Amino acid sequence: MEETTQIDPDFLKGFNDGYIIAQYEPELAEKLSKIEAVSPRIVGIQQGREQLLKEQLKTKLPNWLKDNSTRDKSKQLSKDQNRDIEKD
């Protein structure tokens, strides 16, 4: 049996709006993030802004902090390269 989670349409619209506002109007998004309201739309806007900020932070991180799978691949690559080197 599958469980389906219903997302409030107001929250979803707010989330998408908050993401877009944060992309193009970061100052406005910051002001909206400080509102102390409990409506689903405002909460969605705040969380949409947070999502964009997380994604932007991840793109600014050095490669060795971004993803462990990338790091593991580079380790394997360097091991393979070391095997190809002949010792004198």
Protein backbone atom coordinates (compact mmCIF):
# COMPACT_ATOMS: atom_id res chain seq x y z
CA MET A 1 0.00 0.00 0.00
CA GLU A 2 1.41 3.38 -1.00
CA GLU A 3 1.32 6.38 1.27
CA THR A 4 0.72 9.68 -0.43
CA THR A 5 1.58 12.91 1.27
CA GLN A 6 -0.66 15.80 0.40
CA ILE A 7 1.14 19.12 0.12
CA ASP A 8 -0.91 22.21 0.75
CA PRO A 9 -1.30 24.04 -2.59
CA ASP A 10 -0.72 27.38 -0.84
CA PHE A 11 2.55 26.10 0.63
CA LEU A 12 3.69 24.79 -2.76
CA LYS A 13 2.90 28.05 -4.50
CA GLY A 14 4.70 29.96 -1.75
CA PHE A 15 7.71 27.66 -1.98
CA ASN A 16 8.02 28.19 -5.73
CA ASP A 17 7.46 31.94 -5.37
CA GLY A 18 10.04 32.16 -2.58
CA TYR A 19 12.62 30.34 -4.68
CA ILE A 20 12.09 32.65 -7.65
CA ILE A 21 11.99 35.80 -5.51
CA ALA A 22 15.27 34.77 -3.87
CA GLN A 23 16.86 34.34 -7.31
CA TYR A 24 15.86 37.70 -8.70
CA GLU A 25 15.11 39.88 -5.66
CA PRO A 26 17.30 38.62 -2.80
CA GLU A 27 16.70 41.69 -0.63
CA LEU A 28 12.94 41.25 -0.82
CA ALA A 29 13.30 37.54 -0.10
CA GLU A 30 15.34 38.32 3.00
CA LYS A 31 12.65 40.70 4.25
CA LEU A 32 9.95 38.10 3.60
CA SER A 33 11.97 35.48 5.46
CA LYS A 34 11.78 37.57 8.63
CA ILE A 35 7.98 37.65 8.73
CA GLU A 36 6.63 35.80 11.74
CA ALA A 37 3.46 34.43 10.19
CA VAL A 38 2.20 30.90 10.22
CA SER A 39 0.27 30.85 6.97
CA PRO A 40 1.29 28.04 4.62
CA ARG A 41 2.06 30.54 1.85
CA ILE A 42 4.55 32.54 3.96
CA VAL A 43 6.17 29.38 5.34
CA GLY A 44 6.51 28.13 1.76
CA ILE A 45 8.14 31.40 0.67
CA GLN A 46 10.63 31.16 3.53
CA GLN A 47 11.48 27.55 2.80
CA GLY A 48 11.79 28.23 -0.94
CA ARG A 49 14.37 30.94 -0.16
CA GLU A 50 16.24 28.56 2.15
CA GLN A 51 16.33 25.91 -0.58
CA LEU A 52 17.88 28.33 -3.05
CA LEU A 53 20.47 29.42 -0.48
CA LYS A 54 21.41 25.78 0.19
CA GLU A 55 21.83 25.12 -3.53
CA GLN A 56 23.94 28.24 -3.99
CA LEU A 57 26.13 27.28 -1.05
CA LYS A 58 26.65 23.80 -2.46
CA THR A 59 27.83 25.19 -5.80
CA LYS A 60 30.37 27.41 -4.02
CA LEU A 61 31.90 24.58 -2.00
CA PRO A 62 35.17 23.03 -3.11
CA ASN A 63 34.78 19.70 -4.91
CA TRP A 64 36.09 17.69 -1.99
CA LEU A 65 33.21 18.97 0.17
CA LYS A 66 30.41 18.70 -2.39
CA ASP A 67 29.81 15.00 -2.74
CA ASN A 68 31.47 11.90 -1.35
CA SER A 69 30.81 9.90 -4.51
CA THR A 70 32.83 12.41 -6.54
CA ARG A 71 35.64 12.18 -4.03
CA ASP A 72 35.59 8.39 -4.15
CA LYS A 73 35.80 8.45 -7.95
CA SER A 74 38.81 10.76 -7.86
CA LYS A 75 40.52 8.47 -5.32
CA GLN A 76 39.95 5.49 -7.58
CA LEU A 77 41.25 7.42 -10.57
CA SER A 78 44.44 8.37 -8.76
CA LYS A 79 44.94 4.75 -7.65
CA ASP A 80 44.55 3.58 -11.24
CA GLN A 81 47.03 6.20 -12.45
CA ASN A 82 49.57 5.07 -9.86
CA ARG A 83 49.36 1.50 -11.16
CA ASP A 84 50.32 2.64 -14.64
CA ILE A 85 53.55 4.24 -13.49
CA GLU A 86 56.56 1.98 -13.92
CA LYS A 87 59.23 2.02 -11.28
CA ASP A 88 62.88 2.21 -12.35
